[in-house]
Amino acid sequence: MKDKTLVQLKIQDDRGSIINAHVEYFSPSWPDWILEFTSPITEKLSFTATDVFECLTQLRLELAKHGCKPLCAGARLDVYLSGMHRDMGSGLSAQIMSLGSEVDWKDLQVGIFDYAEPDSIASVEEQWNYYGSLFLCSYELKIQHHNGSIVEGIIHESRILEPNNIKFTSVVTPDIQANGTNGFECLAILRVELEKYGYRPLCNGARCDAYALPMDIDDGGIFVHILTIGKLPNQVDRVDTFDYAEPPLIVSVAEQRKNYESWIDSIKSVPESELVDYL
């Protein structure tokens, strides 16, 4: 069991009064986490989940019944947990995201228990809806014909709805709809359809050395990792699935899968405890 960590937490009630409270979190056994909340407004509360952010979410829902909200970054409208923060950080930090700008997982990370001003705090539902609104987008995707010519198409993507879906439009193909459980899977379907017309997409998700790992799938398949034989990837190896990639790097779905399986074979000597976040 991991030792308990104590964090001071300010709570605001529906009259605007600030109440001092504290939480303690610990992991009794993998993958569970427990969050214990102590304050003058309720009896001691305990929440269990597979990451601390989800424990905090449960606490927020309970506090809302009492007209209260925690003044911490994990309750901000513009903060949400990414798959990488969940898998590699146990949900103790999260991502600050903004409408109208590219979402960069490497930028603007914040501890979920860091203090946040009252005006920045949202309900669980408001936070979820804001997060979902970030992932309705359209952007350019270059495709290349077998003869070498390159054409610009447009991807219309819903990254948050289940199932995820992609609609691709261009002047050289009919509209193509691809539905899947995540963006990487949708792209694979799109790649197979484009091949029927002699085209392939020029993006990271189609690279010979790229693949969506479990943490990428948790984030909706909007990121992939660049894989090197015999090595585990790190944060700098994570790239946007649909960002441009040079033509020589692009391969078929089958060849990409084969390369991924070769990478899996190359890391079999790595201790199993180090592979949890990658396989």
C-alpha atoms as a PDB file:
ATOM      1  CA  MET A   1       0.000   0.000   0.000  1.00  0.00           C
ATOM      2  CA  LYS A   2       1.244   3.488  -0.829  1.00  0.00           C
ATOM      3  CA  ASP A   3       1.467   5.941   2.090  1.00  0.00           C
ATOM      4  CA  LYS A   4      -1.341   8.438   2.535  1.00  0.00           C
ATOM      5  CA  THR A   5      -0.793  11.924   1.138  1.00  0.00           C
ATOM      6  CA  LEU A   6      -2.520  14.797   2.939  1.00  0.00           C
ATOM      7  CA  VAL A   7      -3.672  17.853   0.952  1.00  0.00           C
ATOM      8  CA  GLN A   8      -5.395  20.977   2.285  1.00  0.00           C
ATOM      9  CA  LEU A   9      -8.519  21.835   0.302  1.00  0.00           C
ATOM     10  CA  LYS A  10     -10.743  24.918   0.413  1.00  0.00           C
ATOM     11  CA  ILE A  11     -14.488  24.467  -0.072  1.00  0.00           C
ATOM     12  CA  GLN A  12     -16.995  27.183  -1.002  1.00  0.00           C
ATOM     13  CA  ASP A  13     -20.632  26.884   0.043  1.00  0.00           C
ATOM     14  CA  ASP A  14     -23.671  28.325  -1.737  1.00  0.00           C
ATOM     15  CA  ARG A  15     -23.434  31.558   0.318  1.00  0.00           C
ATOM     16  CA  GLY A  16     -19.867  32.167  -0.824  1.00  0.00           C
ATOM     17  CA  SER A  17     -18.263  31.274   2.506  1.00  0.00           C
ATOM     18  CA  ILE A  18     -14.901  29.502   2.372  1.00  0.00           C
ATOM     19  CA  ILE A  19     -14.459  26.373   4.496  1.00  0.00           C
ATOM     20  CA  ASN A  20     -11.142  24.719   5.268  1.00  0.00           C
ATOM     21  CA  ALA A  21     -11.040  20.983   4.648  1.00  0.00           C
ATOM     22  CA  HIS A  22      -8.508  18.355   3.691  1.00  0.00           C
ATOM     23  CA  VAL A  23      -8.243  15.175   1.664  1.00  0.00           C
ATOM     24  CA  GLU A  24      -5.984  12.161   1.986  1.00  0.00           C
ATOM     25  CA  TYR A  25      -5.365   9.847  -0.944  1.00  0.00           C
ATOM     26  CA  PHE A  26      -3.569   6.522  -1.191  1.00  0.00           C
ATOM     27  CA  SER A  27      -3.496   3.321  -3.218  1.00  0.00           C
ATOM     28  CA  PRO A  28      -4.301   0.213  -1.130  1.00  0.00           C
ATOM     29  CA  SER A  29      -3.472  -2.035  -4.089  1.00  0.00           C
ATOM     30  CA  TRP A  30      -3.124  -1.544  -7.831  1.00  0.00           C
ATOM     31  CA  PRO A  31      -5.123  -0.198  -9.631  1.00  0.00           C
ATOM     32  CA  ASP A  32      -7.394   1.233  -6.917  1.00  0.00           C
ATOM     33  CA  TRP A  33      -7.090   4.636  -5.273  1.00  0.00           C
ATOM     34  CA  ILE A  34      -8.954   5.870  -2.207  1.00  0.00           C
ATOM     35  CA  LEU A  35      -9.715   9.516  -1.432  1.00  0.00           C
ATOM     36  CA  GLU A  36     -10.826  10.444   2.089  1.00  0.00           C
ATOM     37  CA  PHE A  37     -12.434  13.838   2.701  1.00  0.00           C
ATOM     38  CA  THR A  38     -12.672  15.554   6.079  1.00  0.00           C
ATOM     39  CA  SER A  39     -14.486  18.859   6.732  1.00  0.00           C
ATOM     40  CA  PRO A  40     -16.939  20.534   9.142  1.00  0.00           C
ATOM     41  CA  ILE A  41     -19.805  20.285   6.619  1.00  0.00           C
ATOM     42  CA  THR A  42     -20.146  16.483   6.401  1.00  0.00           C
ATOM     43  CA  GLU A  43     -19.059  13.336   8.123  1.00  0.00           C
ATOM     44  CA  LYS A  44     -15.822  11.823   6.833  1.00  0.00           C
ATOM     45  CA  LEU A  45     -16.322  10.689   3.232  1.00  0.00           C
ATOM     46  CA  SER A  46     -14.427   8.044   1.294  1.00  0.00           C
ATOM     47  CA  PHE A  47     -14.340   7.405  -2.455  1.00  0.00           C
ATOM     48  CA  THR A  48     -12.710   4.613  -4.454  1.00  0.00           C
ATOM     49  CA  ALA A  49     -11.777   4.607  -8.146  1.00  0.00           C
ATOM     50  CA  THR A  50      -8.957   3.589 -10.485  1.00  0.00           C
ATOM     51  CA  ASP A  51      -7.498   7.118 -10.501  1.00  0.00           C
ATOM     52  CA  VAL A  52      -7.516  10.101  -8.153  1.00  0.00           C
ATOM     53  CA  PHE A  53      -9.257  12.419 -10.636  1.00  0.00           C
ATOM     54  CA  GLU A  54     -12.272  10.090 -10.674  1.00  0.00           C
ATOM     55  CA  CYS A  55     -12.240  10.032  -6.864  1.00  0.00           C
ATOM     56  CA  LEU A  56     -12.302  13.841  -6.926  1.00  0.00           C
ATOM     57  CA  THR A  57     -15.206  13.744  -9.390  1.00  0.00           C
ATOM     58  CA  GLN A  58     -17.189  11.576  -6.966  1.00  0.00           C
ATOM     59  CA  LEU A  59     -16.376  14.015  -4.147  1.00  0.00           C
ATOM     60  CA  ARG A  60     -17.573  16.953  -6.258  1.00  0.00           C
ATOM     61  CA  LEU A  61     -20.886  15.224  -6.938  1.00  0.00           C
ATOM     62  CA  GLU A  62     -21.363  14.589  -3.215  1.00  0.00           C
ATOM     63  CA  LEU A  63     -20.418  18.155  -2.231  1.00  0.00           C
ATOM     64  CA  ALA A  64     -22.879  19.523  -4.791  1.00  0.00           C
ATOM     65  CA  LYS A  65     -25.687  17.883  -2.795  1.00  0.00           C
ATOM     66  CA  HIS A  66     -24.687  20.186   0.073  1.00  0.00           C
ATOM     67  CA  GLY A  67     -24.425  23.269  -2.156  1.00  0.00           C
ATOM     68  CA  CYS A  68     -20.627  23.229  -1.992  1.00  0.00           C
ATOM     69  CA  LYS A  69     -17.743  23.016  -4.439  1.00  0.00           C
ATOM     70  CA  PRO A  70     -14.001  22.384  -3.992  1.00  0.00           C
ATOM     71  CA  LEU A  71     -11.692  25.224  -5.038  1.00  0.00           C
ATOM     72  CA  CYS A  72      -9.123  23.133  -6.868  1.00  0.00           C
ATOM     73  CA  ALA A  73      -7.821  22.860 -10.421  1.00  0.00           C
ATOM     74  CA  GLY A  74      -9.412  19.455 -10.985  1.00  0.00           C
ATOM     75  CA  ALA A  75     -12.826  21.144 -10.723  1.00  0.00           C
ATOM     76  CA  ARG A  76     -12.038  23.938 -13.196  1.00  0.00           C
ATOM     77  CA  LEU A  77     -14.208  24.230 -16.293  1.00  0.00           C
ATOM     78  CA  ASP A  78     -11.191  24.096 -18.616  1.00  0.00           C
ATOM     79  CA  VAL A  79      -9.364  21.174 -16.994  1.00  0.00           C
ATOM     80  CA  TYR A  80      -9.797  17.504 -17.790  1.00  0.00           C
ATOM     81  CA  LEU A  81      -7.925  14.240 -17.371  1.00  0.00           C
ATOM     82  CA  SER A  82      -6.068  12.806 -20.358  1.00  0.00           C
ATOM     83  CA  GLY A  83      -5.360   9.118 -20.816  1.00  0.00           C
ATOM     84  CA  MET A  84      -1.650   9.725 -20.312  1.00  0.00           C
ATOM     85  CA  HIS A  85      -2.260  11.528 -17.009  1.00  0.00           C
ATOM     86  CA  ARG A  86      -4.478   8.642 -15.925  1.00  0.00           C
ATOM     87  CA  ASP A  87      -2.127   5.846 -16.960  1.00  0.00           C
ATOM     88  CA  MET A  88       1.195   7.409 -15.993  1.00  0.00           C
ATOM     89  CA  GLY A  89       0.225   9.846 -13.243  1.00  0.00           C
ATOM     90  CA  SER A  90      -2.732   8.139 -11.531  1.00  0.00           C
ATOM     91  CA  GLY A  91      -4.885  11.176 -12.298  1.00  0.00           C
ATOM     92  CA  LEU A  92      -3.021  13.510  -9.932  1.00  0.00           C
ATOM     93  CA  SER A  93      -2.420  16.034 -12.715  1.00  0.00           C
ATOM     94  CA  ALA A  94      -4.621  17.033 -15.631  1.00  0.00           C
ATOM     95  CA  GLN A  95      -4.677  19.131 -18.789  1.00  0.00           C
ATOM     96  CA  ILE A  96      -5.752  22.759 -19.158  1.00  0.00           C
ATOM     97  CA  MET A  97      -7.519  23.127 -22.514  1.00  0.00           C
ATOM     98  CA  SER A  98      -8.879  26.117 -24.400  1.00  0.00           C
ATOM     99  CA  LEU A  99     -11.542  26.588 -27.046  1.00  0.00           C
ATOM    100  CA  GLY A 100     -10.277  27.966 -30.328  1.00  0.00           C
ATOM    101  CA  SER A 101      -6.733  26.696 -29.924  1.00  0.00           C
ATOM    102  CA  GLU A 102      -4.917  23.469 -30.649  1.00  0.00           C
ATOM    103  CA  VAL A 103      -5.027  21.089 -27.717  1.00  0.00           C
ATOM    104  CA  ASP A 104      -1.425  20.288 -26.831  1.00  0.00           C
ATOM    105  CA  TRP A 105      -1.089  17.512 -24.275  1.00  0.00           C
ATOM    106  CA  LYS A 106       2.474  18.611 -23.463  1.00  0.00           C
ATOM    107  CA  ASP A 107       1.425  22.108 -22.455  1.00  0.00           C
ATOM    108  CA  LEU A 108      -0.440  23.572 -19.488  1.00  0.00           C
ATOM    109  CA  GLN A 109      -0.529  20.659 -17.074  1.00  0.00           C
ATOM    110  CA  VAL A 110      -1.778  21.299 -13.546  1.00  0.00           C
ATOM    111  CA  GLY A 111      -2.078  19.401 -10.265  1.00  0.00           C
ATOM    112  CA  ILE A 112      -5.727  18.564  -9.635  1.00  0.00           C
ATOM    113  CA  PHE A 113      -5.555  19.733  -5.992  1.00  0.00           C
ATOM    114  CA  ASP A 114      -3.848  23.046  -6.789  1.00  0.00           C
ATOM    115  CA  TYR A 115      -5.930  26.015  -5.638  1.00  0.00           C
ATOM    116  CA  ALA A 116      -8.339  27.504  -8.190  1.00  0.00           C
ATOM    117  CA  GLU A 117     -10.398  30.690  -7.963  1.00  0.00           C
ATOM    118  CA  PRO A 118     -14.157  30.259  -7.351  1.00  0.00           C
ATOM    119  CA  ASP A 119     -15.117  31.812 -10.705  1.00  0.00           C
ATOM    120  CA  SER A 120     -13.171  29.105 -12.562  1.00  0.00           C
ATOM    121  CA  ILE A 121     -15.006  26.187 -10.925  1.00  0.00           C
ATOM    122  CA  ALA A 122     -17.700  24.239 -12.780  1.00  0.00           C
ATOM    123  CA  SER A 123     -20.028  21.359 -12.045  1.00  0.00           C
ATOM    124  CA  VAL A 124     -19.059  17.865 -13.184  1.00  0.00           C
ATOM    125  CA  GLU A 125     -21.605  18.065 -16.011  1.00  0.00           C
ATOM    126  CA  GLU A 126     -20.428  21.512 -17.160  1.00  0.00           C
ATOM    127  CA  GLN A 127     -16.815  20.355 -17.162  1.00  0.00           C
ATOM    128  CA  TRP A 128     -17.662  17.256 -19.217  1.00  0.00           C
ATOM    129  CA  ASN A 129     -19.688  19.238 -21.750  1.00  0.00           C
ATOM    130  CA  TYR A 130     -16.874  21.764 -22.160  1.00  0.00           C
ATOM    131  CA  TYR A 131     -14.372  18.965 -22.697  1.00  0.00           C
ATOM    132  CA  GLY A 132     -16.649  17.432 -25.321  1.00  0.00           C
ATOM    133  CA  SER A 133     -17.027  20.752 -27.151  1.00  0.00           C
ATOM    134  CA  LEU A 134     -13.280  20.838 -27.786  1.00  0.00           C
ATOM    135  CA  PHE A 135     -13.410  17.766 -29.951  1.00  0.00           C
ATOM    136  CA  LEU A 136     -15.825  18.718 -32.703  1.00  0.00           C
ATOM    137  CA  CYS A 137     -13.521  19.913 -35.438  1.00  0.00           C
ATOM    138  CA  SER A 138     -12.664  20.123 -39.112  1.00  0.00           C
ATOM    139  CA  TYR A 139      -9.174  20.372 -40.552  1.00  0.00           C
ATOM    140  CA  GLU A 140      -7.122  19.680 -43.658  1.00  0.00           C
ATOM    141  CA  LEU A 141      -5.682  16.268 -44.457  1.00  0.00           C
ATOM    142  CA  LYS A 142      -3.366  15.809 -47.421  1.00  0.00           C
ATOM    143  CA  ILE A 143      -3.707  12.606 -49.431  1.00  0.00           C
ATOM    144  CA  GLN A 144      -1.263  11.284 -52.016  1.00  0.00           C
ATOM    145  CA  HIS A 145      -2.082   9.271 -55.144  1.00  0.00           C
ATOM    146  CA  HIS A 146       0.039   6.333 -56.279  1.00  0.00           C
ATOM    147  CA  ASN A 147       1.328   8.574 -59.091  1.00  0.00           C
ATOM    148  CA  GLY A 148       2.759  10.985 -56.496  1.00  0.00           C
ATOM    149  CA  SER A 149       0.223  13.810 -56.841  1.00  0.00           C
ATOM    150  CA  ILE A 150      -0.990  15.357 -53.581  1.00  0.00           C
ATOM    151  CA  VAL A 151      -4.507  16.649 -52.937  1.00  0.00           C
ATOM    152  CA  GLU A 152      -5.911  18.455 -49.906  1.00  0.00           C
ATOM    153  CA  GLY A 153      -9.045  17.027 -48.342  1.00  0.00           C
ATOM    154  CA  ILE A 154     -10.993  17.891 -45.210  1.00  0.00           C
ATOM    155  CA  ILE A 155     -11.608  15.761 -42.137  1.00  0.00           C
ATOM    156  CA  HIS A 156     -14.779  16.435 -40.153  1.00  0.00           C
ATOM    157  CA  GLU A 157     -14.268  14.678 -36.854  1.00  0.00           C
ATOM    158  CA  SER A 158     -16.140  14.049 -33.626  1.00  0.00           C
ATOM    159  CA  ARG A 159     -13.521  12.960 -31.102  1.00  0.00           C
ATOM    160  CA  ILE A 160     -15.711  12.713 -28.037  1.00  0.00           C
ATOM    161  CA  LEU A 161     -18.930  11.040 -29.194  1.00  0.00           C
ATOM    162  CA  GLU A 162     -19.216   7.263 -29.040  1.00  0.00           C
ATOM    163  CA  PRO A 163     -18.600   5.814 -31.473  1.00  0.00           C
ATOM    164  CA  ASN A 164     -16.106   8.322 -32.865  1.00  0.00           C
ATOM    165  CA  ASN A 165     -16.703   9.204 -36.466  1.00  0.00           C
ATOM    166  CA  ILE A 166     -14.803  10.761 -39.333  1.00  0.00           C
ATOM    167  CA  LYS A 167     -16.180  12.195 -42.547  1.00  0.00           C
ATOM    168  CA  PHE A 168     -13.592  12.850 -45.240  1.00  0.00           C
ATOM    169  CA  THR A 169     -14.312  15.068 -48.241  1.00  0.00           C
ATOM    170  CA  SER A 170     -12.148  15.847 -51.264  1.00  0.00           C
ATOM    171  CA  VAL A 171     -12.479  16.672 -54.964  1.00  0.00           C
ATOM    172  CA  VAL A 172     -10.972  13.328 -56.025  1.00  0.00           C
ATOM    173  CA  THR A 173     -13.007  10.886 -53.921  1.00  0.00           C
ATOM    174  CA  PRO A 174     -16.623  10.554 -52.846  1.00  0.00           C
ATOM    175  CA  ASP A 175     -17.363  11.492 -49.239  1.00  0.00           C
ATOM    176  CA  ILE A 176     -16.078   8.749 -46.940  1.00  0.00           C
ATOM    177  CA  GLN A 177     -17.619   8.053 -43.532  1.00  0.00           C
ATOM    178  CA  ALA A 178     -15.611   6.024 -41.009  1.00  0.00           C
ATOM    179  CA  ASN A 179     -17.093   5.032 -37.652  1.00  0.00           C
ATOM    180  CA  GLY A 180     -15.059   3.431 -34.878  1.00  0.00           C
ATOM    181  CA  THR A 181     -14.362   3.466 -31.168  1.00  0.00           C
ATOM    182  CA  ASN A 182     -11.531   6.020 -31.453  1.00  0.00           C
ATOM    183  CA  GLY A 183      -9.829   8.348 -33.917  1.00  0.00           C
ATOM    184  CA  PHE A 184      -6.984   5.941 -34.716  1.00  0.00           C
ATOM    185  CA  GLU A 185      -9.431   3.170 -35.605  1.00  0.00           C
ATOM    186  CA  CYS A 186     -11.466   5.595 -37.731  1.00  0.00           C
ATOM    187  CA  LEU A 187      -8.287   6.589 -39.555  1.00  0.00           C
ATOM    188  CA  ALA A 188      -7.483   2.924 -40.258  1.00  0.00           C
ATOM    189  CA  ILE A 189     -10.929   2.497 -41.824  1.00  0.00           C
ATOM    190  CA  LEU A 190     -10.431   5.684 -43.852  1.00  0.00           C
ATOM    191  CA  ARG A 191      -7.021   4.470 -45.053  1.00  0.00           C
ATOM    192  CA  VAL A 192      -8.521   1.234 -46.367  1.00  0.00           C
ATOM    193  CA  GLU A 193     -11.263   3.158 -48.187  1.00  0.00           C
ATOM    194  CA  LEU A 194      -8.826   5.686 -49.686  1.00  0.00           C
ATOM    195  CA  GLU A 195      -6.661   2.848 -50.992  1.00  0.00           C
ATOM    196  CA  LYS A 196      -9.569   1.779 -53.208  1.00  0.00           C
ATOM    197  CA  TYR A 197      -9.141   5.093 -55.057  1.00  0.00           C
ATOM    198  CA  GLY A 198      -5.351   4.872 -55.138  1.00  0.00           C
ATOM    199  CA  TYR A 199      -4.753   7.339 -52.279  1.00  0.00           C
ATOM    200  CA  ARG A 200      -3.169   7.321 -48.853  1.00  0.00           C
ATOM    201  CA  PRO A 201      -3.331   9.963 -46.083  1.00  0.00           C
ATOM    202  CA  LEU A 202      -0.158  11.864 -45.203  1.00  0.00           C
ATOM    203  CA  CYS A 203      -0.467  11.925 -41.420  1.00  0.00           C
ATOM    204  CA  ASN A 204       1.283  10.576 -38.334  1.00  0.00           C
ATOM    205  CA  GLY A 205      -1.377   7.936 -37.778  1.00  0.00           C
ATOM    206  CA  ALA A 206      -0.338   6.261 -41.043  1.00  0.00           C
ATOM    207  CA  ARG A 207       3.425   6.305 -40.393  1.00  0.00           C
ATOM    208  CA  CYS A 208       5.405   3.069 -40.526  1.00  0.00           C
ATOM    209  CA  ASP A 209       6.776   3.652 -37.021  1.00  0.00           C
ATOM    210  CA  ALA A 210       3.632   4.962 -35.310  1.00  0.00           C
ATOM    211  CA  TYR A 211       0.844   3.253 -33.409  1.00  0.00           C
ATOM    212  CA  ALA A 212      -1.844   4.083 -30.853  1.00  0.00           C
ATOM    213  CA  LEU A 213      -0.942   2.613 -27.460  1.00  0.00           C
ATOM    214  CA  PRO A 214      -3.562   2.028 -24.722  1.00  0.00           C
ATOM    215  CA  MET A 215      -3.014   5.502 -23.231  1.00  0.00           C
ATOM    216  CA  ASP A 216      -3.590   6.987 -26.707  1.00  0.00           C
ATOM    217  CA  ILE A 217      -6.809   5.009 -27.106  1.00  0.00           C
ATOM    218  CA  ASP A 218      -7.923   6.334 -23.701  1.00  0.00           C
ATOM    219  CA  ASP A 219      -7.582   9.835 -25.177  1.00  0.00           C
ATOM    220  CA  GLY A 220      -9.812   8.918 -28.110  1.00  0.00           C
ATOM    221  CA  GLY A 221      -7.034   7.904 -30.498  1.00  0.00           C
ATOM    222  CA  ILE A 222      -6.130  11.524 -31.229  1.00  0.00           C
ATOM    223  CA  PHE A 223      -2.476  10.789 -30.448  1.00  0.00           C
ATOM    224  CA  VAL A 224      -0.054   8.059 -31.492  1.00  0.00           C
ATOM    225  CA  HIS A 225       3.411   7.137 -30.299  1.00  0.00           C
ATOM    226  CA  ILE A 226       6.485   6.990 -32.503  1.00  0.00           C
ATOM    227  CA  LEU A 227       8.031   3.612 -31.723  1.00  0.00           C
ATOM    228  CA  THR A 228      11.696   2.618 -31.829  1.00  0.00           C
ATOM    229  CA  ILE A 229      12.670  -1.051 -31.886  1.00  0.00           C
ATOM    230  CA  GLY A 230      13.914  -2.192 -28.488  1.00  0.00           C
ATOM    231  CA  LYS A 231      12.900   0.992 -26.646  1.00  0.00           C
ATOM    232  CA  LEU A 232       9.915   2.177 -24.639  1.00  0.00           C
ATOM    233  CA  PRO A 233       8.564   5.530 -25.867  1.00  0.00           C
ATOM    234  CA  ASN A 234       8.458   8.670 -23.736  1.00  0.00           C
ATOM    235  CA  GLN A 235       6.374  11.839 -23.822  1.00  0.00           C
ATOM    236  CA  VAL A 236       8.324  13.475 -26.653  1.00  0.00           C
ATOM    237  CA  ASP A 237       7.490  10.453 -28.833  1.00  0.00           C
ATOM    238  CA  ARG A 238       3.757  11.241 -28.697  1.00  0.00           C
ATOM    239  CA  VAL A 239       2.322  13.118 -31.683  1.00  0.00           C
ATOM    240  CA  ASP A 240      -1.077  14.121 -33.039  1.00  0.00           C
ATOM    241  CA  THR A 241      -2.610  11.342 -35.134  1.00  0.00           C
ATOM    242  CA  PHE A 242      -3.717  13.677 -37.924  1.00  0.00           C
ATOM    243  CA  ASP A 243      -0.710  16.004 -38.140  1.00  0.00           C
ATOM    244  CA  TYR A 244       1.164  15.955 -41.456  1.00  0.00           C
ATOM    245  CA  ALA A 245       3.786  13.265 -42.114  1.00  0.00           C
ATOM    246  CA  GLU A 246       6.163  13.029 -45.079  1.00  0.00           C
ATOM    247  CA  PRO A 247       5.233  10.558 -47.887  1.00  0.00           C
ATOM    248  CA  PRO A 248       8.240   8.212 -47.424  1.00  0.00           C
ATOM    249  CA  LEU A 249       7.022   7.420 -43.893  1.00  0.00           C
ATOM    250  CA  ILE A 250       3.540   6.282 -44.934  1.00  0.00           C
ATOM    251  CA  VAL A 251       2.617   2.592 -45.163  1.00  0.00           C
ATOM    252  CA  SER A 252      -0.500   0.441 -45.423  1.00  0.00           C
ATOM    253  CA  VAL A 253      -2.579  -0.561 -42.394  1.00  0.00           C
ATOM    254  CA  ALA A 254      -1.282  -4.132 -42.639  1.00  0.00           C
ATOM    255  CA  GLU A 255       2.372  -3.087 -42.829  1.00  0.00           C
ATOM    256  CA  GLN A 256       1.953  -0.682 -39.914  1.00  0.00           C
ATOM    257  CA  ARG A 257       0.419  -3.454 -37.808  1.00  0.00           C
ATOM    258  CA  LYS A 258       3.301  -5.774 -38.710  1.00  0.00           C
ATOM    259  CA  ASN A 259       5.818  -3.123 -37.620  1.00  0.00           C
ATOM    260  CA  TYR A 260       3.946  -2.657 -34.349  1.00  0.00           C
ATOM    261  CA  GLU A 261       4.070  -6.401 -33.654  1.00  0.00           C
ATOM    262  CA  SER A 262       7.820  -6.354 -34.354  1.00  0.00           C
ATOM    263  CA  TRP A 263       8.186  -3.584 -31.780  1.00  0.00           C
ATOM    264  CA  ILE A 264       6.200  -5.651 -29.255  1.00  0.00           C
ATOM    265  CA  ASP A 265       8.578  -8.569 -29.810  1.00  0.00           C
ATOM    266  CA  SER A 266      11.591  -6.284 -29.365  1.00  0.00           C
ATOM    267  CA  ILE A 267      10.611  -5.191 -25.843  1.00  0.00           C
ATOM    268  CA  LYS A 268       9.769  -8.598 -24.396  1.00  0.00           C
ATOM    269  CA  SER A 269      12.870  -8.431 -22.201  1.00  0.00           C
ATOM    270  CA  VAL A 270      11.554  -5.311 -20.441  1.00  0.00           C
ATOM    271  CA  PRO A 271      10.161  -6.102 -16.939  1.00  0.00           C
ATOM    272  CA  GLU A 272       6.396  -6.559 -17.002  1.00  0.00           C
ATOM    273  CA  SER A 273       5.928  -3.858 -14.357  1.00  0.00           C
ATOM    274  CA  GLU A 274       7.364  -1.289 -16.792  1.00  0.00           C
ATOM    275  CA  LEU A 275       5.068  -2.373 -19.634  1.00  0.00           C
ATOM    276  CA  VAL A 276       1.731  -1.741 -17.903  1.00  0.00           C
ATOM    277  CA  ASP A 277       1.249   1.675 -19.498  1.00  0.00           C
ATOM    278  CA  TYR A 278       2.254   0.552 -22.988  1.00  0.00           C
ATOM    279  CA  LEU A 279       0.572  -2.785 -23.760  1.00  0.00           C
END
